[in-house]
Amino acid sequence: MYALIFTSTDAAKTLPVAIAEFAGRYTTDFGLVAAGGLIASIPPVVIVLIFQRQVVSGLAAGAVKG
């Protein structure tokens, strides 16, 4: 909701706001919304797969006391 309120131009829109615009007033193209969500989720998944070892080692190092 905040992203929708604070963005005033089309260039400043975030991805969830752009995906939410696929829904019309009386109908929603669920295939288009699902495709947009899938495409939006690909970059974070790739980043996690690349940096998985560093994330796990950082979590393990932070859990050790002393």
C-alpha atoms as a PDB file:
ATOM      1  CA  MET A   1       0.000   0.000   0.000  1.00  0.00           C
ATOM      2  CA  TYR A   2       2.827   2.414   0.836  1.00  0.00           C
ATOM      3  CA  ALA A   3       4.538   1.774  -2.500  1.00  0.00           C
ATOM      4  CA  LEU A   4       1.315   2.645  -4.297  1.00  0.00           C
ATOM      5  CA  ILE A   5       0.869   5.851  -2.316  1.00  0.00           C
ATOM      6  CA  PHE A   6       4.449   7.121  -2.530  1.00  0.00           C
ATOM      7  CA  THR A   7       5.121   6.462  -6.220  1.00  0.00           C
ATOM      8  CA  SER A   8       3.908   9.159  -8.539  1.00  0.00           C
ATOM      9  CA  THR A   9       5.448   8.173 -11.869  1.00  0.00           C
ATOM     10  CA  ASP A  10       5.369   4.963 -13.874  1.00  0.00           C
ATOM     11  CA  ALA A  11       9.168   4.718 -13.736  1.00  0.00           C
ATOM     12  CA  ALA A  12       9.134   4.653  -9.916  1.00  0.00           C
ATOM     13  CA  LYS A  13       6.562   1.865  -9.529  1.00  0.00           C
ATOM     14  CA  THR A  14       7.628  -1.231  -7.684  1.00  0.00           C
ATOM     15  CA  LEU A  15       7.007  -4.701  -9.066  1.00  0.00           C
ATOM     16  CA  PRO A  16       4.093  -5.591  -6.742  1.00  0.00           C
ATOM     17  CA  VAL A  17       2.315  -2.373  -7.699  1.00  0.00           C
ATOM     18  CA  ALA A  18       2.794  -3.132 -11.390  1.00  0.00           C
ATOM     19  CA  ILE A  19       1.481  -6.676 -10.925  1.00  0.00           C
ATOM     20  CA  ALA A  20      -1.524  -5.367  -8.997  1.00  0.00           C
ATOM     21  CA  GLU A  21      -2.396  -3.179 -11.988  1.00  0.00           C
ATOM     22  CA  PHE A  22      -3.053  -6.335 -14.032  1.00  0.00           C
ATOM     23  CA  ALA A  23      -6.306  -6.686 -12.119  1.00  0.00           C
ATOM     24  CA  GLY A  24      -9.102  -4.797 -13.821  1.00  0.00           C
ATOM     25  CA  ARG A  25     -12.142  -3.175 -12.296  1.00  0.00           C
ATOM     26  CA  TYR A  26     -14.524  -6.050 -12.927  1.00  0.00           C
ATOM     27  CA  THR A  27     -12.231  -8.888 -13.951  1.00  0.00           C
ATOM     28  CA  THR A  28      -8.778 -10.191 -13.184  1.00  0.00           C
ATOM     29  CA  ASP A  29      -6.501 -12.069 -15.558  1.00  0.00           C
ATOM     30  CA  PHE A  30      -5.156 -14.592 -13.076  1.00  0.00           C
ATOM     31  CA  GLY A  31      -2.793 -16.095 -15.635  1.00  0.00           C
ATOM     32  CA  LEU A  32      -1.113 -12.738 -16.163  1.00  0.00           C
ATOM     33  CA  VAL A  33      -0.898 -12.095 -12.416  1.00  0.00           C
ATOM     34  CA  ALA A  34       0.580 -15.569 -11.827  1.00  0.00           C
ATOM     35  CA  ALA A  35       3.115 -15.093 -14.630  1.00  0.00           C
ATOM     36  CA  GLY A  36       4.136 -11.720 -13.211  1.00  0.00           C
ATOM     37  CA  GLY A  37       4.567 -13.197  -9.753  1.00  0.00           C
ATOM     38  CA  LEU A  38       6.639 -16.062 -11.095  1.00  0.00           C
ATOM     39  CA  ILE A  39       8.900 -13.728 -13.068  1.00  0.00           C
ATOM     40  CA  ALA A  40       9.241 -11.456 -10.025  1.00  0.00           C
ATOM     41  CA  SER A  41      10.327 -14.384  -7.837  1.00  0.00           C
ATOM     42  CA  ILE A  42      13.117 -15.610 -10.122  1.00  0.00           C
ATOM     43  CA  PRO A  43      15.851 -13.028  -9.201  1.00  0.00           C
ATOM     44  CA  PRO A  44      15.614 -13.555  -5.406  1.00  0.00           C
ATOM     45  CA  VAL A  45      15.696 -17.335  -5.856  1.00  0.00           C
ATOM     46  CA  VAL A  46      18.791 -17.093  -8.063  1.00  0.00           C
ATOM     47  CA  ILE A  47      20.529 -14.822  -5.532  1.00  0.00           C
ATOM     48  CA  VAL A  48      19.737 -17.234  -2.687  1.00  0.00           C
ATOM     49  CA  LEU A  49      21.060 -20.179  -4.672  1.00  0.00           C
ATOM     50  CA  ILE A  50      24.289 -18.326  -5.452  1.00  0.00           C
ATOM     51  CA  PHE A  51      24.911 -17.062  -1.909  1.00  0.00           C
ATOM     52  CA  GLN A  52      23.444 -20.006   0.026  1.00  0.00           C
ATOM     53  CA  ARG A  53      26.773 -21.143   1.450  1.00  0.00           C
ATOM     54  CA  GLN A  54      27.618 -17.648   2.760  1.00  0.00           C
ATOM     55  CA  VAL A  55      24.175 -17.202   4.301  1.00  0.00           C
ATOM     56  CA  VAL A  56      24.307 -20.551   6.110  1.00  0.00           C
ATOM     57  CA  SER A  57      27.843 -19.968   7.384  1.00  0.00           C
ATOM     58  CA  GLY A  58      26.894 -16.498   8.612  1.00  0.00           C
ATOM     59  CA  LEU A  59      23.861 -17.845  10.447  1.00  0.00           C
ATOM     60  CA  ALA A  60      25.932 -20.632  11.992  1.00  0.00           C
ATOM     61  CA  ALA A  61      28.693 -18.226  13.036  1.00  0.00           C
ATOM     62  CA  GLY A  62      26.181 -15.887  14.647  1.00  0.00           C
ATOM     63  CA  ALA A  63      24.597 -18.730  16.606  1.00  0.00           C
ATOM     64  CA  VAL A  64      27.839 -19.692  18.349  1.00  0.00           C
ATOM     65  CA  LYS A  65      28.117 -18.188  21.815  1.00  0.00           C
ATOM     66  CA  GLY A  66      31.476 -16.913  23.001  1.00  0.00           C
END
